[in-house]
Amino acid sequence: MGKNVRALRKGASLSQEELAFRAGLKRTYLSDLERGTRNPSVKCLGRLAEALGVLPSRLLVEDR
């Protein structure tokens, strides 16, 4: 999931700080998610998806 969040964030030209702000999260928490050292809650997934303008399932499924 972290790789997907990072790829979508970079594709949207957002810094971790900006995405965290838009999603109502701490930047350090977002960094941990992107590195795979933390597991997100369902609420967090929803917030990130909304901030990135994608469906939550897009965060979980790898592009092929």
PDB file of N, CA and C in Angstrom:
ATOM      1  N   MET A   1       0.812  -1.180   0.000  1.00  0.00           N
ATOM      2  CA  MET A   1       0.000   0.000   0.000  1.00  0.00           C
ATOM      3  C   MET A   1       0.864   1.257   0.000  1.00  0.00           C
ATOM      4  N   GLY A   2       1.946   1.233   0.739  1.00  0.00           N
ATOM      5  CA  GLY A   2       2.804   2.401   0.830  1.00  0.00           C
ATOM      6  C   GLY A   2       3.366   2.840  -0.504  1.00  0.00           C
ATOM      7  N   LYS A   3       3.735   1.856  -1.340  1.00  0.00           N
ATOM      8  CA  LYS A   3       4.266   2.188  -2.664  1.00  0.00           C
ATOM      9  C   LYS A   3       3.208   2.878  -3.510  1.00  0.00           C
ATOM     10  N   ASN A   4       1.971   2.438  -3.399  1.00  0.00           N
ATOM     11  CA  ASN A   4       0.886   3.060  -4.159  1.00  0.00           C
ATOM     12  C   ASN A   4       0.654   4.497  -3.706  1.00  0.00           C
ATOM     13  N   VAL A   5       0.648   4.710  -2.401  1.00  0.00           N
ATOM     14  CA  VAL A   5       0.446   6.068  -1.875  1.00  0.00           C
ATOM     15  C   VAL A   5       1.569   6.978  -2.361  1.00  0.00           C
ATOM     16  N   ARG A   6       2.795   6.490  -2.264  1.00  0.00           N
ATOM     17  CA  ARG A   6       3.944   7.304  -2.697  1.00  0.00           C
ATOM     18  C   ARG A   6       3.849   7.635  -4.182  1.00  0.00           C
ATOM     19  N   ALA A   7       3.525   6.638  -5.000  1.00  0.00           N
ATOM     20  CA  ALA A   7       3.430   6.867  -6.450  1.00  0.00           C
ATOM     21  C   ALA A   7       2.315   7.852  -6.783  1.00  0.00           C
ATOM     22  N   LEU A   8       1.179   7.717  -6.146  1.00  0.00           N
ATOM     23  CA  LEU A   8       0.067   8.641  -6.398  1.00  0.00           C
ATOM     24  C   LEU A   8       0.403  10.048  -5.911  1.00  0.00           C
ATOM     25  N   ARG A   9       1.063  10.132  -4.759  1.00  0.00           N
ATOM     26  CA  ARG A   9       1.443  11.439  -4.205  1.00  0.00           C
ATOM     27  C   ARG A   9       2.420  12.142  -5.147  1.00  0.00           C
ATOM     28  N   LYS A  10       3.419  11.408  -5.596  1.00  0.00           N
ATOM     29  CA  LYS A  10       4.403  12.003  -6.501  1.00  0.00           C
ATOM     30  C   LYS A  10       3.768  12.350  -7.844  1.00  0.00           C
ATOM     31  N   GLY A  11       2.848  11.493  -8.315  1.00  0.00           N
ATOM     32  CA  GLY A  11       2.142  11.769  -9.559  1.00  0.00           C
ATOM     33  C   GLY A  11       1.310  13.035  -9.489  1.00  0.00           C
ATOM     34  N   ALA A  12       0.844  13.357  -8.289  1.00  0.00           N
ATOM     35  CA  ALA A  12       0.060  14.573  -8.078  1.00  0.00           C
ATOM     36  C   ALA A  12       0.954  15.758  -7.696  1.00  0.00           C
ATOM     37  N   SER A  13       2.262  15.556  -7.716  1.00  0.00           N
ATOM     38  CA  SER A  13       3.243  16.598  -7.359  1.00  0.00           C
ATOM     39  C   SER A  13       2.990  17.173  -5.968  1.00  0.00           C
ATOM     40  N   LEU A  14       2.724  16.267  -5.011  1.00  0.00           N
ATOM     41  CA  LEU A  14       2.498  16.690  -3.631  1.00  0.00           C
ATOM     42  C   LEU A  14       3.657  16.237  -2.758  1.00  0.00           C
ATOM     43  N   SER A  15       4.024  17.076  -1.821  1.00  0.00           N
ATOM     44  CA  SER A  15       5.009  16.671  -0.822  1.00  0.00           C
ATOM     45  C   SER A  15       4.290  15.836   0.231  1.00  0.00           C
ATOM     46  N   GLN A  16       5.048  15.116   1.036  1.00  0.00           N
ATOM     47  CA  GLN A  16       4.433  14.375   2.136  1.00  0.00           C
ATOM     48  C   GLN A  16       3.697  15.339   3.059  1.00  0.00           C
ATOM     49  N   GLU A  17       4.288  16.471   3.298  1.00  0.00           N
ATOM     50  CA  GLU A  17       3.687  17.457   4.187  1.00  0.00           C
ATOM     51  C   GLU A  17       2.332  17.930   3.646  1.00  0.00           C
ATOM     52  N   GLU A  18       2.253  18.214   2.358  1.00  0.00           N
ATOM     53  CA  GLU A  18       1.011  18.700   1.763  1.00  0.00           C
ATOM     54  C   GLU A  18      -0.065  17.615   1.771  1.00  0.00           C
ATOM     55  N   LEU A  19       0.293  16.395   1.412  1.00  0.00           N
ATOM     56  CA  LEU A  19      -0.691  15.312   1.422  1.00  0.00           C
ATOM     57  C   LEU A  19      -1.173  15.039   2.844  1.00  0.00           C
ATOM     58  N   ALA A  20      -0.258  15.020   3.786  1.00  0.00           N
ATOM     59  CA  ALA A  20      -0.639  14.801   5.180  1.00  0.00           C
ATOM     60  C   ALA A  20      -1.610  15.885   5.639  1.00  0.00           C
ATOM     61  N   PHE A  21      -1.341  17.127   5.290  1.00  0.00           N
ATOM     62  CA  PHE A  21      -2.228  18.232   5.658  1.00  0.00           C
ATOM     63  C   PHE A  21      -3.616  18.029   5.058  1.00  0.00           C
ATOM     64  N   ARG A  22      -3.668  17.714   3.763  1.00  0.00           N
ATOM     65  CA  ARG A  22      -4.952  17.525   3.082  1.00  0.00           C
ATOM     66  C   ARG A  22      -5.749  16.365   3.658  1.00  0.00           C
ATOM     67  N   ALA A  23      -5.029  15.335   4.134  1.00  0.00           N
ATOM     68  CA  ALA A  23      -5.696  14.154   4.672  1.00  0.00           C
ATOM     69  C   ALA A  23      -5.928  14.235   6.184  1.00  0.00           C
ATOM     70  N   GLY A  24      -5.431  15.293   6.806  1.00  0.00           N
ATOM     71  CA  GLY A  24      -5.595  15.441   8.256  1.00  0.00           C
ATOM     72  C   GLY A  24      -4.749  14.459   9.044  1.00  0.00           C
ATOM     73  N   LEU A  25      -3.557  14.171   8.526  1.00  0.00           N
ATOM     74  CA  LEU A  25      -2.640  13.241   9.171  1.00  0.00           C
ATOM     75  C   LEU A  25      -1.335  13.953   9.511  1.00  0.00           C
ATOM     76  N   LYS A  26      -0.528  13.325  10.342  1.00  0.00           N
ATOM     77  CA  LYS A  26       0.804  13.855  10.620  1.00  0.00           C
ATOM     78  C   LYS A  26       1.746  13.392   9.518  1.00  0.00           C
ATOM     79  N   ARG A  27       2.704  14.232   9.167  1.00  0.00           N
ATOM     80  CA  ARG A  27       3.645  13.890   8.108  1.00  0.00           C
ATOM     81  C   ARG A  27       4.448  12.653   8.469  1.00  0.00           C
ATOM     82  N   THR A  28       4.831  12.522   9.719  1.00  0.00           N
ATOM     83  CA  THR A  28       5.613  11.361  10.125  1.00  0.00           C
ATOM     84  C   THR A  28       4.808  10.068   9.974  1.00  0.00           C
ATOM     85  N   TYR A  29       3.500  10.126  10.234  1.00  0.00           N
ATOM     86  CA  TYR A  29       2.637   8.956  10.065  1.00  0.00           C
ATOM     87  C   TYR A  29       2.566   8.579   8.585  1.00  0.00           C
ATOM     88  N   LEU A  30       2.419   9.574   7.721  1.00  0.00           N
ATOM     89  CA  LEU A  30       2.382   9.324   6.282  1.00  0.00           C
ATOM     90  C   LEU A  30       3.710   8.723   5.815  1.00  0.00           C
ATOM     91  N   SER A  31       4.793   9.228   6.314  1.00  0.00           N
ATOM     92  CA  SER A  31       6.109   8.688   5.967  1.00  0.00           C
ATOM     93  C   SER A  31       6.203   7.215   6.375  1.00  0.00           C
ATOM     94  N   ASP A  32       5.744   6.901   7.571  1.00  0.00           N
ATOM     95  CA  ASP A  32       5.752   5.516   8.037  1.00  0.00           C
ATOM     96  C   ASP A  32       4.883   4.631   7.143  1.00  0.00           C
ATOM     97  N   LEU A  33       3.726   5.124   6.724  1.00  0.00           N
ATOM     98  CA  LEU A  33       2.850   4.363   5.832  1.00  0.00           C
ATOM     99  C   LEU A  33       3.547   4.082   4.506  1.00  0.00           C
ATOM    100  N   GLU A  34       4.173   5.090   3.945  1.00  0.00           N
ATOM    101  CA  GLU A  34       4.853   4.926   2.661  1.00  0.00           C
ATOM    102  C   GLU A  34       6.009   3.936   2.749  1.00  0.00           C
ATOM    103  N   ARG A  35       6.671   3.886   3.890  1.00  0.00           N
ATOM    104  CA  ARG A  35       7.786   2.956   4.075  1.00  0.00           C
ATOM    105  C   ARG A  35       7.322   1.566   4.493  1.00  0.00           C
ATOM    106  N   GLY A  36       6.047   1.439   4.811  1.00  0.00           N
ATOM    107  CA  GLY A  36       5.503   0.143   5.192  1.00  0.00           C
ATOM    108  C   GLY A  36       5.748  -0.251   6.630  1.00  0.00           C
ATOM    109  N   THR A  37       6.091   0.708   7.470  1.00  0.00           N
ATOM    110  CA  THR A  37       6.345   0.392   8.879  1.00  0.00           C
ATOM    111  C   THR A  37       5.108   0.561   9.751  1.00  0.00           C
ATOM    112  N   ARG A  38       4.025   1.074   9.176  1.00  0.00           N
ATOM    113  CA  ARG A  38       2.747   1.207   9.888  1.00  0.00           C
ATOM    114  C   ARG A  38       1.637   0.719   8.984  1.00  0.00           C
ATOM    115  N   ASN A  39       0.579   0.234   9.614  1.00  0.00           N
ATOM    116  CA  ASN A  39      -0.608  -0.192   8.886  1.00  0.00           C
ATOM    117  C   ASN A  39      -1.712   0.829   9.095  1.00  0.00           C
ATOM    118  N   PRO A  40      -2.356   1.260   8.025  1.00  0.00           N
ATOM    119  CA  PRO A  40      -3.386   2.296   8.150  1.00  0.00           C
ATOM    120  C   PRO A  40      -4.712   1.728   8.629  1.00  0.00           C
ATOM    121  N   SER A  41      -5.483   2.569   9.269  1.00  0.00           N
ATOM    122  CA  SER A  41      -6.856   2.217   9.623  1.00  0.00           C
ATOM    123  C   SER A  41      -7.730   2.442   8.396  1.00  0.00           C
ATOM    124  N   VAL A  42      -8.944   1.942   8.444  1.00  0.00           N
ATOM    125  CA  VAL A  42      -9.888   2.160   7.343  1.00  0.00           C
ATOM    126  C   VAL A  42     -10.164   3.658   7.193  1.00  0.00           C
ATOM    127  N   LYS A  43     -10.276   4.339   8.299  1.00  0.00           N
ATOM    128  CA  LYS A  43     -10.520   5.789   8.278  1.00  0.00           C
ATOM    129  C   LYS A  43      -9.366   6.516   7.580  1.00  0.00           C
ATOM    130  N   CYS A  44      -8.153   6.097   7.885  1.00  0.00           N
ATOM    131  CA  CYS A  44      -6.965   6.697   7.265  1.00  0.00           C
ATOM    132  C   CYS A  44      -6.965   6.449   5.763  1.00  0.00           C
ATOM    133  N   LEU A  45      -7.296   5.243   5.352  1.00  0.00           N
ATOM    134  CA  LEU A  45      -7.364   4.936   3.917  1.00  0.00           C
ATOM    135  C   LEU A  45      -8.337   5.868   3.211  1.00  0.00           C
ATOM    136  N   GLY A  46      -9.486   6.066   3.822  1.00  0.00           N
ATOM    137  CA  GLY A  46     -10.483   6.961   3.242  1.00  0.00           C
ATOM    138  C   GLY A  46      -9.985   8.380   3.115  1.00  0.00           C
ATOM    139  N   ARG A  47      -9.333   8.855   4.140  1.00  0.00           N
ATOM    140  CA  ARG A  47      -8.800  10.226   4.118  1.00  0.00           C
ATOM    141  C   ARG A  47      -7.740  10.396   3.033  1.00  0.00           C
ATOM    142  N   LEU A  48      -6.835   9.428   2.943  1.00  0.00           N
ATOM    143  CA  LEU A  48      -5.791   9.500   1.921  1.00  0.00           C
ATOM    144  C   LEU A  48      -6.379   9.437   0.516  1.00  0.00           C
ATOM    145  N   ALA A  49      -7.328   8.531   0.325  1.00  0.00           N
ATOM    146  CA  ALA A  49      -7.952   8.403  -0.996  1.00  0.00           C
ATOM    147  C   ALA A  49      -8.645   9.700  -1.389  1.00  0.00           C
ATOM    148  N   GLU A  50      -9.370  10.286  -0.461  1.00  0.00           N
ATOM    149  CA  GLU A  50     -10.057  11.544  -0.756  1.00  0.00           C
ATOM    150  C   GLU A  50      -9.059  12.650  -1.083  1.00  0.00           C
ATOM    151  N   ALA A  51      -7.984  12.743  -0.314  1.00  0.00           N
ATOM    152  CA  ALA A  51      -6.970  13.777  -0.540  1.00  0.00           C
ATOM    153  C   ALA A  51      -6.272  13.593  -1.885  1.00  0.00           C
ATOM    154  N   LEU A  52      -6.168  12.338  -2.330  1.00  0.00           N
ATOM    155  CA  LEU A  52      -5.513  12.053  -3.614  1.00  0.00           C
ATOM    156  C   LEU A  52      -6.501  12.020  -4.775  1.00  0.00           C
ATOM    157  N   GLY A  53      -7.793  12.055  -4.473  1.00  0.00           N
ATOM    158  CA  GLY A  53      -8.810  12.043  -5.522  1.00  0.00           C
ATOM    159  C   GLY A  53      -8.973  10.686  -6.194  1.00  0.00           C
ATOM    160  N   VAL A  54      -8.795   9.611  -5.421  1.00  0.00           N
ATOM    161  CA  VAL A  54      -8.943   8.258  -5.954  1.00  0.00           C
ATOM    162  C   VAL A  54      -9.857   7.449  -5.038  1.00  0.00           C
ATOM    163  N   LEU A  55     -10.296   6.289  -5.525  1.00  0.00           N
ATOM    164  CA  LEU A  55     -11.067   5.377  -4.685  1.00  0.00           C
ATOM    165  C   LEU A  55     -10.116   4.698  -3.701  1.00  0.00           C
ATOM    166  N   PRO A  56     -10.591   4.381  -2.505  1.00  0.00           N
ATOM    167  CA  PRO A  56      -9.723   3.708  -1.526  1.00  0.00           C
ATOM    168  C   PRO A  56      -9.106   2.416  -2.067  1.00  0.00           C
ATOM    169  N   SER A  57      -9.835   1.694  -2.885  1.00  0.00           N
ATOM    170  CA  SER A  57      -9.291   0.447  -3.421  1.00  0.00           C
ATOM    171  C   SER A  57      -8.039   0.687  -4.268  1.00  0.00           C
ATOM    172  N   ARG A  58      -7.917   1.866  -4.846  1.00  0.00           N
ATOM    173  CA  ARG A  58      -6.738   2.214  -5.666  1.00  0.00           C
ATOM    174  C   ARG A  58      -5.463   2.237  -4.826  1.00  0.00           C
ATOM    175  N   LEU A  59      -5.609   2.496  -3.534  1.00  0.00           N
ATOM    176  CA  LEU A  59      -4.441   2.517  -2.648  1.00  0.00           C
ATOM    177  C   LEU A  59      -3.956   1.112  -2.341  1.00  0.00           C
ATOM    178  N   LEU A  60      -4.838   0.148  -2.460  1.00  0.00           N
ATOM    179  CA  LEU A  60      -4.513  -1.209  -2.052  1.00  0.00           C
ATOM    180  C   LEU A  60      -4.061  -2.106  -3.203  1.00  0.00           C
ATOM    181  N   VAL A  61      -4.468  -1.779  -4.427  1.00  0.00           N
ATOM    182  CA  VAL A  61      -4.200  -2.641  -5.577  1.00  0.00           C
ATOM    183  C   VAL A  61      -3.039  -2.084  -6.388  1.00  0.00           C
ATOM    184  N   GLU A  62      -2.060  -2.951  -6.652  1.00  0.00           N
ATOM    185  CA  GLU A  62      -0.913  -2.523  -7.454  1.00  0.00           C
ATOM    186  C   GLU A  62      -1.285  -2.427  -8.926  1.00  0.00           C
ATOM    187  N   ASP A  63      -0.714  -1.451  -9.592  1.00  0.00           N
ATOM    188  CA  ASP A  63      -0.865  -1.360 -11.061  1.00  0.00           C
ATOM    189  C   ASP A  63      -0.090  -2.496 -11.693  1.00  0.00           C
ATOM    190  N   ARG A  64      -0.621  -3.005 -12.773  1.00  0.00           N
ATOM    191  CA  ARG A  64       0.085  -4.087 -13.485  1.00  0.00           C
ATOM    192  C   ARG A  64       0.434  -3.653 -14.876  1.00  0.00           C
TER     193      ARG A  64
END
